[in-house]
């Protein structure tokens, strides 16, 4: 009957609430040593799964950042070649350009005017610097 079904559902609901409280570290007093050990095992398993998932996500993020670094390095290389093709003196002038103001600076050379912006750094990065490649360009940095 529906009364019997409702009683079973109510008992199941109360058991789930009790289990939830136990998992939250509440109402542990009436539990036996064996029940506490079982609870501890469940929590360790859940923690292990959470750590595995976190590690997986972090590894995916690292790989994505490596892809971006390679892409930016390639863009840097292409821009460097483009600047070199336009004239090595223009390229050297841009390399030596100072960054006196946040808005950038204007560099004039051989009749050409360049508006050069400083790199934007919103916050200091808490990591090891990327070593310069053989041509002294930092991978991941674009002019």
Foldseek 3Di string as FASTA:
>chain_A
DVVVVVVVVVVVVVVVVVLVCVLVVHPCVVDDPVRVVVSVVVNVVVVVVVVVVVVVVVVVVVVVVVVLLVVQQVVQVVVLVVQVVVDVVSSVQVVPADAPDQQADWDDDPRDIDGDHDDDDPDDDDDDAADADPVRDGGPDHD
